[in-house]
């Protein structure tokens, strides 16, 4: 389902825990990390699509979360031709997304990456809100920055400062103490069924999975 400009309606999900850390998922069989997202089916509202994707990708039900906020309007990104199927070229241009900021009111063990027979992630972790954009596939970085910046106003004031406004991305995250050397100890993590912990979420992002999703 595409709009007149060739963009597919889509939802993105930023899931917060009680420490205002965000769910960060590793794409299955890859080293690409991202937030949950997925297309809006015909006849669905963005909110209905968000709840469906939330269950399909991370196994959570509506009672496990509360909606904190959503973006006011669509945020768009274009997908490079090399990631578009040949039969879609000339028609499909990219994604337009409504982003939701959710608060987990359940528990870590409610997360389940194997809720369906077609899992999207094979590992996850909690990450500080201002995730390093250089670990995100390049054509999605602008939308990630816009969504995180717009929705940050709903965080406690101590968390609001936008770390993207200074310097280079990798230098900025290292200076703030949230670079790739500050990894969470996996021994204390609650991993969902079938998941594994990958100690390097800043690995290779040259092969984005499901660019059309």
Protein backbone atom coordinates (compact mmCIF):
# COMPACT_ATOMS: atom_id res chain seq x y z
CA UNK A 1 0.00 0.00 0.00
CA UNK A 2 1.72 3.15 -1.26
CA UNK A 3 0.64 6.77 -1.22
CA UNK A 4 0.67 8.93 -4.36
CA UNK A 5 4.31 9.85 -3.83
CA UNK A 6 5.47 6.25 -3.48
CA UNK A 7 5.85 6.10 0.31
CA UNK A 8 4.56 3.16 2.30
CA UNK A 9 2.76 4.01 5.59
CA UNK A 10 4.68 2.60 8.52
CA UNK A 11 5.00 2.83 12.30
CA UNK A 12 8.14 3.04 14.43
CA UNK A 13 8.32 2.14 18.12
CA UNK A 14 10.57 3.59 20.82
CA UNK A 15 10.02 1.47 23.93
CA UNK A 16 11.21 2.87 27.27
CA UNK A 17 11.92 1.03 30.50
CA UNK A 18 11.64 2.64 33.93
CA UNK A 19 15.20 4.00 33.61
CA UNK A 20 14.30 5.78 30.34
CA UNK A 21 16.47 3.37 28.35
CA UNK A 22 15.20 2.23 24.97
CA UNK A 23 14.71 -1.25 23.53
CA UNK A 24 17.43 -1.89 20.95
CA UNK A 25 16.99 -4.96 18.74
CA UNK A 26 19.49 -6.83 16.56
CA UNK A 27 18.09 -7.84 13.19
CA UNK A 28 17.98 -11.59 12.82
CA UNK A 29 21.10 -13.07 11.21
CA UNK A 30 22.79 -9.68 10.87
CA UNK A 31 24.76 -7.12 12.86
CA UNK A 32 22.27 -4.34 12.21
CA UNK A 33 20.52 -2.86 15.28
CA UNK A 34 17.31 -0.82 15.19
CA UNK A 35 13.97 0.02 16.79
CA UNK A 36 10.89 -2.09 16.03
CA UNK A 37 8.96 -0.91 13.00
CA UNK A 38 6.55 -2.23 10.41
CA UNK A 39 4.02 -1.38 7.72
CA UNK A 40 0.44 -0.26 8.26
CA UNK A 41 -1.98 -2.70 6.63
CA UNK A 42 -4.97 -1.54 4.64
CA UNK A 43 -7.80 -0.62 7.00
CA UNK A 44 -5.54 -0.24 10.05
CA UNK A 45 -5.00 2.91 12.03
CA UNK A 46 -1.40 3.75 13.01
CA UNK A 47 -2.18 2.81 16.62
CA UNK A 48 -3.62 -0.57 15.60
CA UNK A 49 -0.54 -1.23 13.47
CA UNK A 50 1.72 -0.24 16.35
CA UNK A 51 0.13 -2.76 18.72
CA UNK A 52 0.27 -5.50 16.06
CA UNK A 53 3.93 -4.85 15.31
CA UNK A 54 4.72 -4.62 19.02
CA UNK A 55 3.43 -8.16 19.50
CA UNK A 56 4.87 -9.59 16.29
CA UNK A 57 8.37 -8.21 16.82
CA UNK A 58 8.86 -8.20 20.60
CA UNK A 59 5.95 -10.25 21.96
CA UNK A 60 4.31 -7.53 24.05
CA UNK A 61 0.56 -7.07 24.46
CA UNK A 62 -1.26 -3.72 24.92
CA UNK A 63 -1.47 -4.28 28.68
CA UNK A 64 2.33 -4.44 28.87
CA UNK A 65 2.81 -0.84 27.70
CA UNK A 66 1.39 2.66 27.98
CA UNK A 67 1.48 5.24 25.20
CA UNK A 68 3.51 8.28 26.22
CA UNK A 69 3.37 10.22 22.95
CA UNK A 70 3.53 9.98 19.16
CA UNK A 71 4.97 12.17 16.43
CA UNK A 72 2.65 14.88 15.19
CA UNK A 73 3.05 14.07 11.52
CA UNK A 74 4.61 11.57 9.13
CA UNK A 75 8.41 11.35 9.05
CA UNK A 76 9.80 10.17 5.71
CA UNK A 77 12.92 8.46 4.46
CA UNK A 78 13.82 7.32 0.97
CA UNK A 79 15.29 3.87 0.33
CA UNK A 80 18.24 3.71 -2.10
CA UNK A 81 17.51 1.87 -5.35
CA UNK A 82 19.97 -0.91 -4.54
CA UNK A 83 17.76 -1.99 -1.62
CA UNK A 84 14.50 -1.93 -3.62
CA UNK A 85 13.24 -5.00 -5.46
CA UNK A 86 13.42 -4.60 -9.22
CA UNK A 87 9.67 -4.99 -9.65
CA UNK A 88 9.07 -2.12 -7.19
CA UNK A 89 11.53 0.37 -8.69
CA UNK A 90 9.81 3.38 -10.15
CA UNK A 91 6.84 2.89 -7.82
CA UNK A 92 8.23 2.44 -4.32
CA UNK A 93 10.20 5.38 -2.94
CA UNK A 94 10.49 4.78 0.80
CA UNK A 95 8.65 4.90 4.12
CA UNK A 96 6.52 7.50 5.84
CA UNK A 97 6.30 6.79 9.55
CA UNK A 98 4.37 7.68 12.65
CA UNK A 99 6.60 7.09 15.67
CA UNK A 100 5.26 6.05 19.09
CA UNK A 101 6.99 6.51 22.43
CA UNK A 102 5.87 3.72 24.77
CA UNK A 103 6.57 2.98 28.42
CA UNK A 104 7.00 -0.66 29.47
CA UNK A 105 4.68 -1.27 32.43
CA UNK A 106 5.24 -5.02 32.34
CA UNK A 107 8.52 -6.81 32.92
CA UNK A 108 11.58 -7.67 30.84
CA UNK A 109 10.49 -11.29 30.82
CA UNK A 110 7.29 -10.32 28.98
CA UNK A 111 9.44 -9.63 25.91
CA UNK A 112 9.49 -12.57 23.51
CA UNK A 113 11.37 -12.42 20.21
CA UNK A 114 9.74 -15.72 19.15
CA UNK A 115 6.12 -14.61 19.45
CA UNK A 116 5.58 -15.50 15.77
CA UNK A 117 7.11 -17.99 13.34
CA UNK A 118 8.84 -15.13 11.49
CA UNK A 119 11.01 -13.35 14.08
CA UNK A 120 12.55 -9.98 13.24
CA UNK A 121 15.22 -9.87 15.98
CA UNK A 122 17.53 -12.47 17.50
CA UNK A 123 18.90 -10.34 20.38
CA UNK A 124 18.03 -7.21 22.30
CA UNK A 125 19.33 -4.92 25.02
CA UNK A 126 18.41 -1.71 26.82
CA UNK A 127 20.32 1.31 25.54
CA UNK A 128 20.51 4.95 26.61
CA UNK A 129 17.87 7.09 24.87
CA UNK A 130 20.30 8.96 22.62
CA UNK A 131 21.42 5.93 20.64
CA UNK A 132 24.54 6.41 18.45
CA UNK A 133 23.22 7.14 14.96
CA UNK A 134 26.26 5.71 13.23
CA UNK A 135 25.10 2.18 14.09
CA UNK A 136 21.82 2.79 12.21
CA UNK A 137 21.68 2.08 8.48
CA UNK A 138 22.50 5.39 6.82
CA UNK A 139 19.23 6.14 5.04
CA UNK A 140 17.24 5.83 8.30
CA UNK A 141 19.43 8.10 10.43
CA UNK A 142 17.60 11.33 9.66
CA UNK A 143 14.23 9.88 10.67
CA UNK A 144 15.70 8.38 13.85
CA UNK A 145 17.13 11.76 14.82
CA UNK A 146 13.85 13.56 14.08
CA UNK A 147 11.75 11.02 16.01
CA UNK A 148 14.04 10.89 19.04
CA UNK A 149 14.34 14.69 19.16
CA UNK A 150 10.60 15.33 18.83
CA UNK A 151 9.65 12.73 21.44
CA UNK A 152 12.42 13.64 23.91
CA UNK A 153 10.28 16.46 25.30
CA UNK A 154 8.19 13.79 27.05
CA UNK A 155 11.20 12.48 29.01
CA UNK A 156 12.20 13.81 32.44
CA UNK A 157 14.07 17.09 32.02
CA UNK A 158 17.39 15.51 32.96
CA UNK A 159 17.11 13.22 29.92
CA UNK A 160 16.00 15.86 27.41
CA UNK A 161 19.33 17.28 26.21
CA UNK A 162 19.89 16.39 22.55
CA UNK A 163 23.33 14.83 22.22
CA UNK A 164 23.09 14.91 18.42
CA UNK A 165 23.69 18.65 18.34
CA UNK A 166 27.42 18.40 19.01
CA UNK A 167 30.37 17.20 16.95
CA UNK A 168 30.75 13.87 15.22
CA UNK A 169 28.50 11.01 16.24
CA UNK A 170 31.13 8.57 17.48
CA UNK A 171 33.16 11.24 19.29
CA UNK A 172 30.01 12.60 20.85
CA UNK A 173 28.87 9.26 22.25
CA UNK A 174 32.32 8.47 23.61
CA UNK A 175 32.60 11.85 25.33
CA UNK A 176 29.23 11.39 27.01
CA UNK A 177 30.22 7.97 28.30
CA UNK A 178 27.72 6.09 26.18
CA UNK A 179 29.91 4.76 23.41
CA UNK A 180 30.45 1.15 22.48
CA UNK A 181 32.82 0.60 25.42
CA UNK A 182 29.94 1.02 27.87
CA UNK A 183 28.14 -2.26 27.24
CA UNK A 184 25.71 -3.77 29.70
CA UNK A 185 26.87 -6.92 31.50
CA UNK A 186 24.93 -9.74 29.81
CA UNK A 187 24.91 -11.86 32.96
CA UNK A 188 22.27 -9.61 34.48
CA UNK A 189 20.00 -9.39 31.43
CA UNK A 190 16.59 -10.97 30.97
CA UNK A 191 16.70 -12.41 27.46
CA UNK A 192 13.50 -13.63 25.81
CA UNK A 193 13.08 -17.21 24.54
CA UNK A 194 15.46 -18.00 21.70
CA UNK A 195 17.43 -14.76 22.04
CA UNK A 196 21.16 -14.32 22.41
CA UNK A 197 23.30 -11.41 23.50
CA UNK A 198 25.64 -9.88 20.91
CA UNK A 199 28.32 -7.79 22.64
CA UNK A 200 28.84 -5.54 19.61
CA UNK A 201 25.72 -3.58 18.58
CA UNK A 202 27.98 -1.28 16.52
CA UNK A 203 28.86 -3.99 14.06
CA UNK A 204 28.40 -4.08 10.30
CA UNK A 205 25.31 -2.16 9.09
CA UNK A 206 26.08 -2.49 5.40
CA UNK A 207 23.40 -5.12 4.89
CA UNK A 208 20.10 -3.67 6.17
CA UNK A 209 17.46 -6.33 6.56
CA UNK A 210 13.89 -5.86 5.32
CA UNK A 211 14.46 -2.37 3.91
CA UNK A 212 10.91 -2.47 2.53
CA UNK A 213 9.36 -3.47 5.85
